[in-house]
Amino acid sequence: MDSTKKYNNEVSEIYGQGAQDFSDFFKDAHDFLEPDRRKFIESMPSSAKILDCGCGPGQDSEVFAKLGFNVTGIDITPEFVKMAKRRVPEATFIQMDMREVSLPPSTFDGVWVSFSLLHIHQADVPKVLSNLKKIMKANGKIMIALHRGPKTDWVTANISGINQNCGVQEWTQSDLERIIQENGFEVEYSRPFERPGGRFPLLSIMGSITTKVPKATQ
């Protein structure tokens, strides 16, 4: 088994074992992401199709569905998928690894990635962004929230809500902006912040699919 698949299984197992604890700890969509969620929602057409990428037990999916959006959620953890289906029966939920997204191209107006890219090593992020771009509409928006660090590094962190240690990818603001831009998106919004009472500095970035033609290599 390669290291990526081994890590995927570990993440799924850690969150699966702590799924109820996580859901109880984060009962509702993160209030500290409300400025980002509001900006994302305001950018959506009224009949938008939204992908909740790494949906967990469905807190954000519930918010989007209540606003009348067509919501699809994916998560690598089967326990979360089951919980999300119960919580938001009008949405569609699929167990899926975000590294291997298999959904119809040009489908989604928006992709919401709340603390799930956190578990993707920086070497795999270009592939994830490329795959997400393929399933987004030409004017699509992506919102990403994750841990911000003093340098871009793979570290071990204790996961809030389940009290388990797990490998996570921290980013500097400039490095995440750069990799987003290098993979076909324009950065529209970038917010470094800290959650009141939280243990980690955080970062939210919204991007849109770029229409710029890449410069020819000299």
N, C-alpha and C. Protein backbone atom coordinates (compact mmCIF):
# COMPACT_ATOMS: atom_id res chain seq x y z
N MET A 1 0.84 -1.19 0.00
CA MET A 1 0.00 0.00 0.00
C MET A 1 0.88 1.24 0.00
N ASP A 2 0.62 2.19 -0.94
CA ASP A 2 1.45 3.39 -0.98
C ASP A 2 1.11 4.30 0.20
N SER A 3 2.02 5.27 0.46
CA SER A 3 1.89 6.09 1.65
C SER A 3 0.63 6.96 1.63
N THR A 4 0.24 7.43 0.42
CA THR A 4 -0.96 8.27 0.33
C THR A 4 -2.20 7.48 0.69
N LYS A 5 -2.33 6.27 0.14
CA LYS A 5 -3.50 5.45 0.46
C LYS A 5 -3.51 5.08 1.93
N LYS A 6 -2.33 4.79 2.49
CA LYS A 6 -2.24 4.45 3.91
C LYS A 6 -2.71 5.63 4.75
N TYR A 7 -2.28 6.83 4.40
CA TYR A 7 -2.69 8.01 5.15
C TYR A 7 -4.20 8.25 5.00
N ASN A 8 -4.73 8.09 3.78
CA ASN A 8 -6.17 8.25 3.57
C ASN A 8 -6.95 7.32 4.49
N ASN A 9 -6.51 6.07 4.57
CA ASN A 9 -7.19 5.12 5.43
C ASN A 9 -7.11 5.53 6.90
N GLU A 10 -5.95 6.08 7.30
CA GLU A 10 -5.77 6.52 8.68
C GLU A 10 -6.72 7.69 9.00
N VAL A 11 -6.81 8.65 8.07
CA VAL A 11 -7.70 9.79 8.27
C VAL A 11 -9.15 9.32 8.39
N SER A 12 -9.55 8.45 7.47
CA SER A 12 -10.92 7.94 7.50
C SER A 12 -11.20 7.19 8.80
N GLU A 13 -10.22 6.43 9.27
CA GLU A 13 -10.41 5.67 10.51
C GLU A 13 -10.48 6.59 11.72
N ILE A 14 -9.59 7.59 11.78
CA ILE A 14 -9.57 8.52 12.91
C ILE A 14 -10.89 9.28 13.00
N TYR A 15 -11.35 9.82 11.87
CA TYR A 15 -12.60 10.57 11.88
C TYR A 15 -13.80 9.64 12.05
N GLY A 16 -13.70 8.44 11.51
CA GLY A 16 -14.79 7.49 11.67
C GLY A 16 -15.01 7.12 13.12
N GLN A 17 -13.91 6.85 13.83
CA GLN A 17 -14.02 6.50 15.24
C GLN A 17 -14.53 7.66 16.09
N GLY A 18 -14.20 8.88 15.65
CA GLY A 18 -14.62 10.04 16.42
C GLY A 18 -15.75 10.82 15.79
N ALA A 19 -16.47 10.20 14.86
CA ALA A 19 -17.49 10.93 14.09
C ALA A 19 -18.55 11.57 14.97
N GLN A 20 -19.08 10.81 15.93
CA GLN A 20 -20.13 11.36 16.78
C GLN A 20 -19.59 12.47 17.69
N ASP A 21 -18.38 12.25 18.23
CA ASP A 21 -17.76 13.28 19.07
C ASP A 21 -17.54 14.56 18.27
N PHE A 22 -17.08 14.41 17.04
CA PHE A 22 -16.83 15.57 16.18
C PHE A 22 -18.14 16.31 15.91
N SER A 23 -19.17 15.56 15.58
CA SER A 23 -20.48 16.16 15.29
C SER A 23 -21.06 16.86 16.51
N ASP A 24 -20.85 16.28 17.69
CA ASP A 24 -21.34 16.89 18.92
C ASP A 24 -20.56 18.16 19.26
N PHE A 25 -19.26 18.16 18.96
CA PHE A 25 -18.40 19.30 19.27
C PHE A 25 -18.69 20.47 18.33
N PHE A 26 -18.83 20.15 17.02
CA PHE A 26 -19.16 21.16 16.02
C PHE A 26 -20.60 20.93 15.58
N LYS A 27 -21.54 21.33 16.43
CA LYS A 27 -22.95 21.03 16.16
C LYS A 27 -23.47 21.75 14.92
N ASP A 28 -22.97 22.94 14.68
CA ASP A 28 -23.43 23.76 13.56
C ASP A 28 -22.25 24.18 12.69
N ALA A 29 -22.55 24.76 11.55
CA ALA A 29 -21.50 25.28 10.68
C ALA A 29 -20.65 26.28 11.46
N HIS A 30 -19.35 26.27 11.22
CA HIS A 30 -18.43 27.11 11.98
C HIS A 30 -18.83 28.59 11.90
N ASP A 31 -19.12 29.18 13.05
CA ASP A 31 -19.49 30.60 13.03
C ASP A 31 -18.30 31.49 12.68
N PHE A 32 -17.09 31.01 12.97
CA PHE A 32 -15.91 31.82 12.65
C PHE A 32 -15.63 31.88 11.14
N LEU A 33 -16.33 31.07 10.36
CA LEU A 33 -16.23 31.15 8.90
C LEU A 33 -17.39 31.93 8.29
N GLU A 34 -18.20 32.55 9.11
CA GLU A 34 -19.38 33.24 8.58
C GLU A 34 -19.04 34.33 7.56
N PRO A 35 -17.98 35.15 7.77
CA PRO A 35 -17.64 36.13 6.73
C PRO A 35 -17.32 35.49 5.39
N ASP A 36 -16.65 34.34 5.43
CA ASP A 36 -16.27 33.63 4.20
C ASP A 36 -17.49 32.96 3.58
N ARG A 37 -18.31 32.36 4.43
CA ARG A 37 -19.53 31.70 3.94
C ARG A 37 -20.46 32.71 3.27
N ARG A 38 -20.58 33.87 3.91
CA ARG A 38 -21.45 34.91 3.36
C ARG A 38 -20.93 35.41 2.00
N LYS A 39 -19.63 35.61 1.90
CA LYS A 39 -19.05 36.06 0.63
C LYS A 39 -19.24 35.00 -0.46
N PHE A 40 -19.05 33.74 -0.08
CA PHE A 40 -19.23 32.63 -1.02
C PHE A 40 -20.68 32.56 -1.49
N ILE A 41 -21.62 32.62 -0.56
CA ILE A 41 -23.05 32.54 -0.90
C ILE A 41 -23.46 33.70 -1.79
N GLU A 42 -22.97 34.89 -1.48
CA GLU A 42 -23.33 36.06 -2.28
C GLU A 42 -22.81 35.97 -3.71
N SER A 43 -21.80 35.14 -3.93
CA SER A 43 -21.24 34.99 -5.27
C SER A 43 -21.98 33.95 -6.10
N MET A 44 -22.93 33.22 -5.47
CA MET A 44 -23.62 32.13 -6.15
C MET A 44 -24.90 32.61 -6.84
N PRO A 45 -25.20 32.05 -8.04
CA PRO A 45 -26.53 32.30 -8.63
C PRO A 45 -27.60 31.62 -7.79
N SER A 46 -28.84 32.05 -7.95
CA SER A 46 -29.92 31.56 -7.08
C SER A 46 -30.14 30.05 -7.19
N SER A 47 -29.86 29.49 -8.35
CA SER A 47 -30.06 28.04 -8.55
C SER A 47 -28.74 27.28 -8.54
N ALA A 48 -27.77 27.77 -7.81
CA ALA A 48 -26.42 27.22 -7.84
C ALA A 48 -26.35 25.75 -7.43
N LYS A 49 -25.42 25.06 -8.08
CA LYS A 49 -25.03 23.72 -7.65
C LYS A 49 -23.72 23.86 -6.89
N ILE A 50 -23.72 23.39 -5.64
CA ILE A 50 -22.56 23.55 -4.77
C ILE A 50 -22.03 22.18 -4.37
N LEU A 51 -20.71 22.03 -4.44
CA LEU A 51 -20.04 20.83 -3.93
C LEU A 51 -19.42 21.17 -2.58
N ASP A 52 -19.83 20.44 -1.55
CA ASP A 52 -19.22 20.54 -0.23
C ASP A 52 -18.16 19.44 -0.18
N CYS A 53 -16.91 19.86 -0.38
CA CYS A 53 -15.80 18.92 -0.58
C CYS A 53 -15.12 18.63 0.76
N GLY A 54 -15.39 17.45 1.29
CA GLY A 54 -14.98 17.14 2.65
C GLY A 54 -16.06 17.63 3.59
N CYS A 55 -17.26 17.12 3.38
CA CYS A 55 -18.48 17.68 3.99
C CYS A 55 -18.62 17.35 5.47
N GLY A 56 -17.84 16.37 5.98
CA GLY A 56 -18.02 15.97 7.36
C GLY A 56 -19.46 15.54 7.62
N PRO A 57 -20.02 15.83 8.79
CA PRO A 57 -21.40 15.41 9.10
C PRO A 57 -22.47 16.31 8.49
N GLY A 58 -22.06 17.29 7.66
CA GLY A 58 -23.05 18.00 6.85
C GLY A 58 -23.50 19.36 7.35
N GLN A 59 -22.72 19.99 8.25
CA GLN A 59 -23.16 21.28 8.79
C GLN A 59 -23.28 22.36 7.71
N ASP A 60 -22.25 22.49 6.87
CA ASP A 60 -22.31 23.50 5.81
C ASP A 60 -23.30 23.12 4.72
N SER A 61 -23.35 21.86 4.40
CA SER A 61 -24.32 21.39 3.40
C SER A 61 -25.74 21.77 3.82
N GLU A 62 -26.01 21.68 5.11
CA GLU A 62 -27.34 22.03 5.63
C GLU A 62 -27.62 23.52 5.40
N VAL A 63 -26.63 24.37 5.67
CA VAL A 63 -26.79 25.81 5.44
C VAL A 63 -27.11 26.08 3.98
N PHE A 64 -26.33 25.49 3.08
CA PHE A 64 -26.52 25.74 1.65
C PHE A 64 -27.87 25.20 1.17
N ALA A 65 -28.25 24.02 1.63
CA ALA A 65 -29.52 23.42 1.20
C ALA A 65 -30.71 24.24 1.68
N LYS A 66 -30.64 24.79 2.90
CA LYS A 66 -31.75 25.60 3.42
C LYS A 66 -31.95 26.88 2.62
N LEU A 67 -30.89 27.31 1.93
CA LEU A 67 -30.98 28.49 1.08
C LEU A 67 -31.49 28.16 -0.32
N GLY A 68 -31.77 26.89 -0.55
CA GLY A 68 -32.34 26.47 -1.82
C GLY A 68 -31.33 26.04 -2.87
N PHE A 69 -30.07 25.94 -2.49
CA PHE A 69 -29.06 25.49 -3.45
C PHE A 69 -29.12 23.98 -3.63
N ASN A 70 -28.65 23.52 -4.78
CA ASN A 70 -28.54 22.10 -5.09
C ASN A 70 -27.19 21.62 -4.58
N VAL A 71 -27.19 20.81 -3.53
CA VAL A 71 -25.95 20.49 -2.81
C VAL A 71 -25.54 19.03 -3.00
N THR A 72 -24.27 18.84 -3.30
CA THR A 72 -23.64 17.52 -3.28
C THR A 72 -22.48 17.58 -2.30
N GLY A 73 -22.39 16.59 -1.43
CA GLY A 73 -21.28 16.52 -0.48
C GLY A 73 -20.48 15.25 -0.68
N ILE A 74 -19.17 15.38 -0.56
CA ILE A 74 -18.32 14.19 -0.62
C ILE A 74 -17.42 14.17 0.62
N ASP A 75 -17.13 12.98 1.10
CA ASP A 75 -16.21 12.82 2.23
C ASP A 75 -15.61 11.43 2.17
N ILE A 76 -14.37 11.31 2.62
CA ILE A 76 -13.69 10.01 2.59
C ILE A 76 -14.16 9.10 3.72
N THR A 77 -14.80 9.69 4.73
CA THR A 77 -15.20 8.92 5.92
C THR A 77 -16.65 8.46 5.81
N PRO A 78 -16.89 7.15 5.74
CA PRO A 78 -18.26 6.66 5.53
C PRO A 78 -19.22 7.05 6.65
N GLU A 79 -18.72 7.13 7.88
CA GLU A 79 -19.58 7.51 9.00
C GLU A 79 -20.11 8.94 8.81
N PHE A 80 -19.27 9.83 8.31
CA PHE A 80 -19.71 11.20 8.05
C PHE A 80 -20.76 11.24 6.94
N VAL A 81 -20.56 10.45 5.92
CA VAL A 81 -21.52 10.42 4.81
C VAL A 81 -22.89 9.97 5.32
N LYS A 82 -22.92 8.96 6.15
CA LYS A 82 -24.19 8.50 6.72
C LYS A 82 -24.85 9.58 7.57
N MET A 83 -24.05 10.26 8.37
CA MET A 83 -24.59 11.31 9.23
C MET A 83 -25.13 12.48 8.41
N ALA A 84 -24.38 12.85 7.35
CA ALA A 84 -24.81 13.96 6.49
C ALA A 84 -26.12 13.62 5.78
N LYS A 85 -26.26 12.39 5.34
CA LYS A 85 -27.50 11.98 4.68
C LYS A 85 -28.70 12.11 5.60
N ARG A 86 -28.51 11.77 6.87
CA ARG A 86 -29.61 11.90 7.84
C ARG A 86 -29.90 13.37 8.13
N ARG A 87 -28.85 14.15 8.18
CA ARG A 87 -29.00 15.57 8.54
C ARG A 87 -29.60 16.40 7.42
N VAL A 88 -29.20 16.09 6.18
CA VAL A 88 -29.65 16.88 5.02
C VAL A 88 -30.18 15.93 3.94
N PRO A 89 -31.36 15.36 4.15
CA PRO A 89 -31.86 14.35 3.21
C PRO A 89 -32.11 14.87 1.80
N GLU A 90 -32.27 16.20 1.65
CA GLU A 90 -32.53 16.75 0.32
C GLU A 90 -31.25 16.91 -0.50
N ALA A 91 -30.10 16.73 0.11
CA ALA A 91 -28.82 16.82 -0.60
C ALA A 91 -28.34 15.42 -1.00
N THR A 92 -27.31 15.39 -1.82
CA THR A 92 -26.70 14.13 -2.26
C THR A 92 -25.33 13.99 -1.62
N PHE A 93 -25.05 12.83 -1.03
CA PHE A 93 -23.77 12.62 -0.37
C PHE A 93 -23.13 11.32 -0.88
N ILE A 94 -21.83 11.40 -1.13
CA ILE A 94 -21.09 10.29 -1.73
C ILE A 94 -19.78 10.11 -0.98
N GLN A 95 -19.44 8.86 -0.65
CA GLN A 95 -18.11 8.61 -0.09
C GLN A 95 -17.10 8.69 -1.22
N MET A 96 -16.16 9.62 -1.11
CA MET A 96 -15.22 9.86 -2.21
C MET A 96 -13.98 10.55 -1.66
N ASP A 97 -12.83 10.18 -2.19
CA ASP A 97 -11.56 10.83 -1.86
C ASP A 97 -11.41 12.06 -2.74
N MET A 98 -11.16 13.22 -2.15
CA MET A 98 -11.05 14.44 -2.94
C MET A 98 -9.84 14.43 -3.88
N ARG A 99 -8.90 13.52 -3.64
CA ARG A 99 -7.79 13.38 -4.58
C ARG A 99 -8.23 12.70 -5.88
N GLU A 100 -9.32 11.97 -5.81
CA GLU A 100 -9.79 11.20 -6.96
C GLU A 100 -11.25 11.52 -7.25
N VAL A 101 -11.56 12.80 -7.36
CA VAL A 101 -12.94 13.22 -7.60
C VAL A 101 -13.44 12.67 -8.93
N SER A 102 -14.58 12.00 -8.89
CA SER A 102 -15.18 11.44 -10.09
C SER A 102 -16.62 11.93 -10.18
N LEU A 103 -16.77 13.14 -10.74
CA LEU A 103 -18.08 13.78 -10.90
C LEU A 103 -18.13 14.41 -12.28
N PRO A 104 -19.32 14.66 -12.82
CA PRO A 104 -19.42 15.18 -14.19
C PRO A 104 -18.71 16.53 -14.35
N PRO A 105 -18.06 16.75 -15.46
CA PRO A 105 -17.36 18.03 -15.69
C PRO A 105 -18.32 19.20 -15.81
N SER A 106 -17.81 20.38 -15.50
CA SER A 106 -18.55 21.65 -15.66
C SER A 106 -19.92 21.62 -14.98
N THR A 107 -19.96 21.09 -13.77
CA THR A 107 -21.23 20.90 -13.05
C THR A 107 -21.50 21.97 -11.99
N PHE A 108 -20.47 22.36 -11.24
CA PHE A 108 -20.70 23.12 -10.01
C PHE A 108 -20.39 24.61 -10.17
N ASP A 109 -21.29 25.42 -9.61
CA ASP A 109 -21.08 26.86 -9.56
C ASP A 109 -20.12 27.23 -8.44
N GLY A 110 -20.10 26.41 -7.40
CA GLY A 110 -19.24 26.69 -6.26
C GLY A 110 -18.74 25.42 -5.61
N VAL A 111 -17.50 25.48 -5.11
CA VAL A 111 -16.92 24.36 -4.36
C VAL A 111 -16.45 24.91 -3.02
N TRP A 112 -16.98 24.34 -1.96
CA TRP A 112 -16.69 24.74 -0.59
C TRP A 112 -15.76 23.70 0.03
N VAL A 113 -14.56 24.14 0.46
CA VAL A 113 -13.53 23.21 0.94
C VAL A 113 -13.11 23.66 2.35
N SER A 114 -13.89 23.26 3.34
CA SER A 114 -13.70 23.72 4.71
C SER A 114 -12.91 22.71 5.53
N PHE A 115 -11.64 22.99 5.73
CA PHE A 115 -10.74 22.19 6.56
C PHE A 115 -10.62 20.73 6.10
N SER A 116 -10.78 20.50 4.81
CA SER A 116 -10.53 19.17 4.26
C SER A 116 -9.23 19.16 3.45
N LEU A 117 -8.91 20.26 2.77
CA LEU A 117 -7.61 20.36 2.10
C LEU A 117 -6.48 20.31 3.13
N LEU A 118 -6.84 20.54 4.38
CA LEU A 118 -5.92 20.43 5.50
C LEU A 118 -5.21 19.08 5.53
N HIS A 119 -5.90 18.04 5.06
CA HIS A 119 -5.36 16.69 5.12
C HIS A 119 -4.73 16.25 3.80
N ILE A 120 -4.47 17.18 2.91
CA ILE A 120 -3.83 16.87 1.63
C ILE A 120 -2.42 17.44 1.64
N HIS A 121 -1.44 16.58 1.43
CA HIS A 121 -0.05 17.04 1.40
C HIS A 121 0.15 18.01 0.25
N GLN A 122 1.01 19.01 0.44
CA GLN A 122 1.19 20.05 -0.57
C GLN A 122 1.56 19.49 -1.94
N ALA A 123 2.23 18.34 -1.98
CA ALA A 123 2.60 17.74 -3.26
C ALA A 123 1.39 17.26 -4.04
N ASP A 124 0.28 16.97 -3.33
CA ASP A 124 -0.93 16.48 -3.99
C ASP A 124 -1.95 17.58 -4.28
N VAL A 125 -1.72 18.78 -3.75
CA VAL A 125 -2.70 19.85 -3.90
C VAL A 125 -2.91 20.28 -5.36
N PRO A 126 -1.86 20.38 -6.19
CA PRO A 126 -2.11 20.73 -7.60
C PRO A 126 -3.07 19.76 -8.29
N LYS A 127 -2.94 18.47 -8.01
CA LYS A 127 -3.85 17.47 -8.60
C LYS A 127 -5.28 17.69 -8.11
N VAL A 128 -5.43 17.97 -6.82
CA VAL A 128 -6.77 18.20 -6.26
C VAL A 128 -7.40 19.43 -6.90
N LEU A 129 -6.65 20.52 -6.99
CA LEU A 129 -7.18 21.75 -7.58
C LEU A 129 -7.53 21.55 -9.06
N SER A 130 -6.69 20.83 -9.78
CA SER A 130 -6.95 20.56 -11.20
C SER A 130 -8.23 19.76 -11.37
N ASN A 131 -8.42 18.73 -10.52
CA ASN A 131 -9.62 17.91 -10.62
C ASN A 131 -10.88 18.70 -10.25
N LEU A 132 -10.77 19.56 -9.25
CA LEU A 132 -11.92 20.37 -8.86
C LEU A 132 -12.26 21.38 -9.96
N LYS A 133 -11.24 21.95 -10.57
CA LYS A 133 -11.48 22.91 -11.65
C LYS A 133 -12.26 22.27 -12.79
N LYS A 134 -11.97 21.01 -13.09
CA LYS A 134 -12.65 20.32 -14.20
C LYS A 134 -14.15 20.16 -13.96
N ILE A 135 -14.56 20.03 -12.70
CA ILE A 135 -15.98 19.81 -12.43
C ILE A 135 -16.73 21.12 -12.14
N MET A 136 -16.00 22.24 -12.21
CA MET A 136 -16.61 23.55 -11.98
C MET A 136 -17.02 24.20 -13.29
N LYS A 137 -18.06 25.02 -13.22
CA LYS A 137 -18.46 25.80 -14.38
C LYS A 137 -17.43 26.90 -14.65
N ALA A 138 -17.50 27.49 -15.83
CA ALA A 138 -16.48 28.44 -16.26
C ALA A 138 -16.37 29.65 -15.34
N ASN A 139 -17.47 30.02 -14.70
CA ASN A 139 -17.45 31.17 -13.79
C ASN A 139 -17.50 30.73 -12.32
N GLY A 140 -17.07 29.50 -12.07
CA GLY A 140 -17.18 28.93 -10.73
C GLY A 140 -16.26 29.56 -9.70
N LYS A 141 -16.67 29.42 -8.44
CA LYS A 141 -15.91 29.94 -7.30
C LYS A 141 -15.52 28.78 -6.38
N ILE A 142 -14.35 28.93 -5.76
CA ILE A 142 -13.91 27.95 -4.77
C ILE A 142 -13.51 28.69 -3.50
N MET A 143 -13.96 28.18 -2.36
CA MET A 143 -13.58 28.75 -1.07
C MET A 143 -12.86 27.68 -0.27
N ILE A 144 -11.66 28.01 0.20
CA ILE A 144 -10.82 27.08 0.94
C ILE A 144 -10.50 27.66 2.32
N ALA A 145 -10.68 26.86 3.37
CA ALA A 145 -10.29 27.26 4.72
C ALA A 145 -9.40 26.16 5.31
N LEU A 146 -8.31 26.58 5.97
CA LEU A 146 -7.39 25.61 6.56
C LEU A 146 -6.50 26.28 7.60
N HIS A 147 -5.52 25.51 8.10
CA HIS A 147 -4.60 26.03 9.09
C HIS A 147 -3.50 26.86 8.42
N ARG A 148 -3.16 27.97 9.06
CA ARG A 148 -2.06 28.82 8.62
C ARG A 148 -0.88 28.60 9.55
N GLY A 149 0.31 28.50 8.98
CA GLY A 149 1.49 28.27 9.80
C GLY A 149 2.58 29.29 9.53
N PRO A 150 3.64 29.30 10.35
CA PRO A 150 4.77 30.20 10.14
C PRO A 150 5.54 29.86 8.87
N LYS A 151 5.40 28.61 8.42
CA LYS A 151 5.94 28.17 7.14
C LYS A 151 5.05 27.07 6.60
N THR A 152 5.14 26.81 5.31
CA THR A 152 4.35 25.75 4.71
C THR A 152 5.00 24.41 5.06
N ASP A 153 4.29 23.61 5.84
CA ASP A 153 4.92 22.41 6.39
C ASP A 153 3.86 21.37 6.75
N TRP A 154 4.27 20.10 6.68
CA TRP A 154 3.43 18.99 7.12
C TRP A 154 3.72 18.74 8.58
N VAL A 155 2.70 18.87 9.42
CA VAL A 155 2.90 18.79 10.87
C VAL A 155 1.87 17.84 11.48
N THR A 156 2.10 17.48 12.72
CA THR A 156 1.12 16.69 13.48
C THR A 156 0.32 17.63 14.36
N ALA A 157 -1.00 17.52 14.30
CA ALA A 157 -1.87 18.38 15.09
C ALA A 157 -2.95 17.55 15.76
N ASN A 158 -3.40 18.02 16.90
CA ASN A 158 -4.51 17.40 17.59
C ASN A 158 -5.82 17.95 17.01
N ILE A 159 -6.68 17.06 16.51
CA ILE A 159 -7.88 17.48 15.81
C ILE A 159 -8.99 17.83 16.80
N SER A 160 -9.47 19.06 16.70
CA SER A 160 -10.54 19.52 17.58
C SER A 160 -11.78 18.65 17.43
N GLY A 161 -12.39 18.33 18.54
CA GLY A 161 -13.63 17.57 18.51
C GLY A 161 -13.46 16.07 18.70
N ILE A 162 -12.27 15.56 18.30
CA ILE A 162 -12.06 14.12 18.45
C ILE A 162 -10.81 13.81 19.27
N ASN A 163 -10.01 14.84 19.58
CA ASN A 163 -8.84 14.69 20.45
C ASN A 163 -7.92 13.58 19.98
N GLN A 164 -7.65 13.58 18.67
CA GLN A 164 -6.73 12.61 18.07
C GLN A 164 -5.67 13.37 17.28
N ASN A 165 -4.43 12.86 17.32
CA ASN A 165 -3.36 13.46 16.54
C ASN A 165 -3.40 12.95 15.11
N CYS A 166 -3.12 13.85 14.18
CA CYS A 166 -3.21 13.50 12.76
C CYS A 166 -2.28 14.43 11.97
N GLY A 167 -1.72 13.94 10.87
CA GLY A 167 -0.91 14.78 10.01
C GLY A 167 -1.77 15.80 9.28
N VAL A 168 -1.31 17.06 9.26
CA VAL A 168 -2.03 18.11 8.55
C VAL A 168 -1.04 18.99 7.80
N GLN A 169 -1.53 19.62 6.75
CA GLN A 169 -0.72 20.54 5.95
C GLN A 169 -1.03 21.98 6.35
N GLU A 170 -0.03 22.64 6.94
CA GLU A 170 -0.15 24.06 7.22
C GLU A 170 0.42 24.85 6.05
N TRP A 171 -0.13 26.06 5.84
CA TRP A 171 0.29 26.91 4.72
C TRP A 171 0.57 28.32 5.19
N THR A 172 1.54 28.97 4.56
CA THR A 172 1.62 30.41 4.67
C THR A 172 0.61 30.99 3.68
N GLN A 173 0.17 32.19 3.94
CA GLN A 173 -0.82 32.83 3.07
C GLN A 173 -0.26 32.96 1.65
N SER A 174 0.98 33.40 1.52
CA SER A 174 1.56 33.63 0.19
C SER A 174 1.73 32.34 -0.59
N ASP A 175 2.11 31.25 0.10
CA ASP A 175 2.30 29.97 -0.61
C ASP A 175 0.97 29.40 -1.11
N LEU A 176 -0.08 29.51 -0.29
CA LEU A 176 -1.37 28.98 -0.74
C LEU A 176 -1.93 29.82 -1.87
N GLU A 177 -1.80 31.13 -1.79
CA GLU A 177 -2.24 31.99 -2.89
C GLU A 177 -1.50 31.63 -4.17
N ARG A 178 -0.21 31.40 -4.04
CA ARG A 178 0.60 31.09 -5.24
C ARG A 178 0.16 29.77 -5.88
N ILE A 179 -0.03 28.73 -5.08
CA ILE A 179 -0.36 27.43 -5.66
C ILE A 179 -1.77 27.44 -6.26
N ILE A 180 -2.66 28.23 -5.68
CA ILE A 180 -4.00 28.39 -6.25
C ILE A 180 -3.90 29.07 -7.61
N GLN A 181 -3.09 30.12 -7.69
CA GLN A 181 -2.93 30.85 -8.95
C GLN A 181 -2.22 30.01 -10.02
N GLU A 182 -1.29 29.18 -9.59
CA GLU A 182 -0.56 28.34 -10.53
C GLU A 182 -1.43 27.23 -11.11
N ASN A 183 -2.57 26.97 -10.49
CA ASN A 183 -3.43 25.88 -10.95
C ASN A 183 -4.78 26.36 -11.47
N GLY A 184 -4.76 27.56 -12.08
CA GLY A 184 -5.90 27.98 -12.87
C GLY A 184 -6.94 28.84 -12.20
N PHE A 185 -6.60 29.40 -11.03
CA PHE A 185 -7.56 30.23 -10.31
C PHE A 185 -6.98 31.63 -10.06
N GLU A 186 -7.87 32.60 -10.03
CA GLU A 186 -7.51 33.93 -9.56
C GLU A 186 -7.95 34.06 -8.10
N VAL A 187 -7.11 34.64 -7.28
CA VAL A 187 -7.47 34.86 -5.87
C VAL A 187 -8.31 36.13 -5.79
N GLU A 188 -9.54 35.97 -5.31
CA GLU A 188 -10.46 37.11 -5.17
C GLU A 188 -10.49 37.66 -3.74
N TYR A 189 -10.11 36.81 -2.80
CA TYR A 189 -10.32 37.14 -1.39
C TYR A 189 -9.39 36.28 -0.57
N SER A 190 -8.69 36.88 0.39
CA SER A 190 -7.73 36.14 1.21
C SER A 190 -7.75 36.71 2.62
N ARG A 191 -8.09 35.88 3.61
CA ARG A 191 -8.28 36.38 4.97
C ARG A 191 -7.53 35.52 5.98
N PRO A 192 -6.39 36.01 6.51
CA PRO A 192 -5.77 35.33 7.65
C PRO A 192 -6.49 35.76 8.93
N PHE A 193 -6.74 34.82 9.83
CA PHE A 193 -7.47 35.16 11.05
C PHE A 193 -7.24 34.10 12.11
N GLU A 194 -7.75 34.34 13.30
CA GLU A 194 -7.69 33.37 14.37
C GLU A 194 -9.08 33.19 14.97
N ARG A 195 -9.40 31.97 15.29
CA ARG A 195 -10.70 31.66 15.90
C ARG A 195 -10.63 31.98 17.39
N PRO A 196 -11.61 32.71 17.91
CA PRO A 196 -11.63 32.98 19.35
C PRO A 196 -11.58 31.69 20.15
N GLY A 197 -10.56 31.55 20.97
CA GLY A 197 -10.41 30.34 21.77
C GLY A 197 -9.77 29.19 21.01
N GLY A 198 -9.45 29.38 19.73
CA GLY A 198 -8.85 28.33 18.92
C GLY A 198 -7.36 28.17 19.16
N ARG A 199 -6.82 27.06 18.71
CA ARG A 199 -5.41 26.75 18.95
C ARG A 199 -4.51 27.03 17.74
N PHE A 200 -5.13 27.25 16.57
CA PHE A 200 -4.34 27.39 15.35
C PHE A 200 -4.69 28.67 14.61
N PRO A 201 -3.70 29.38 14.06
CA PRO A 201 -4.00 30.46 13.12
C PRO A 201 -4.66 29.85 11.88
N LEU A 202 -5.60 30.59 11.28
CA LEU A 202 -6.39 30.06 10.18
C LEU A 202 -6.28 30.96 8.95
N LEU A 203 -6.75 30.43 7.83
CA LEU A 203 -6.68 31.15 6.56
C LEU A 203 -7.85 30.74 5.68
N SER A 204 -8.53 31.72 5.11
CA SER A 204 -9.60 31.46 4.13
C SER A 204 -9.26 32.18 2.83
N ILE A 205 -9.44 31.50 1.72
CA ILE A 205 -9.16 32.08 0.40
C ILE A 205 -10.28 31.69 -0.56
N MET A 206 -10.82 32.66 -1.29
CA MET A 206 -11.77 32.38 -2.35
C MET A 206 -11.12 32.67 -3.70
N GLY A 207 -11.27 31.74 -4.62
CA GLY A 207 -10.73 31.90 -5.96
C GLY A 207 -11.80 31.69 -7.01
N SER A 208 -11.55 32.21 -8.20
CA SER A 208 -12.42 31.97 -9.35
C SER A 208 -11.56 31.46 -10.49
N ILE A 209 -12.19 30.72 -11.37
CA ILE A 209 -11.44 30.16 -12.50
C ILE A 209 -10.93 31.30 -13.37
N THR A 210 -9.64 31.29 -13.63
CA THR A 210 -9.03 32.37 -14.39
C THR A 210 -9.35 32.26 -15.87
N THR A 211 -9.47 33.40 -16.50
CA THR A 211 -9.66 33.45 -17.96
C THR A 211 -8.40 33.93 -18.64
N LYS A 212 -7.36 34.14 -17.83
CA LYS A 212 -6.10 34.61 -18.40
C LYS A 212 -5.40 33.49 -19.15
N VAL A 213 -4.75 33.85 -20.25
CA VAL A 213 -3.95 32.88 -21.00
C VAL A 213 -2.57 32.83 -20.38
N PRO A 214 -2.07 31.64 -20.01
CA PRO A 214 -0.75 31.57 -19.40
C PRO A 214 0.31 32.14 -20.33
N LYS A 215 1.29 32.81 -19.73
CA LYS A 215 2.38 33.37 -20.52
C LYS A 215 3.25 32.24 -21.07
N ALA A 216 3.70 32.45 -22.30
CA ALA A 216 4.56 31.43 -22.92
C ALA A 216 5.90 31.40 -22.20
N THR A 217 6.45 30.20 -22.04
CA THR A 217 7.75 30.06 -21.40
C THR A 217 8.84 30.64 -22.29
N GLN A 218 9.67 31.47 -21.69
CA GLN A 218 10.74 32.09 -22.45
C GLN A 218 11.86 31.09 -22.71
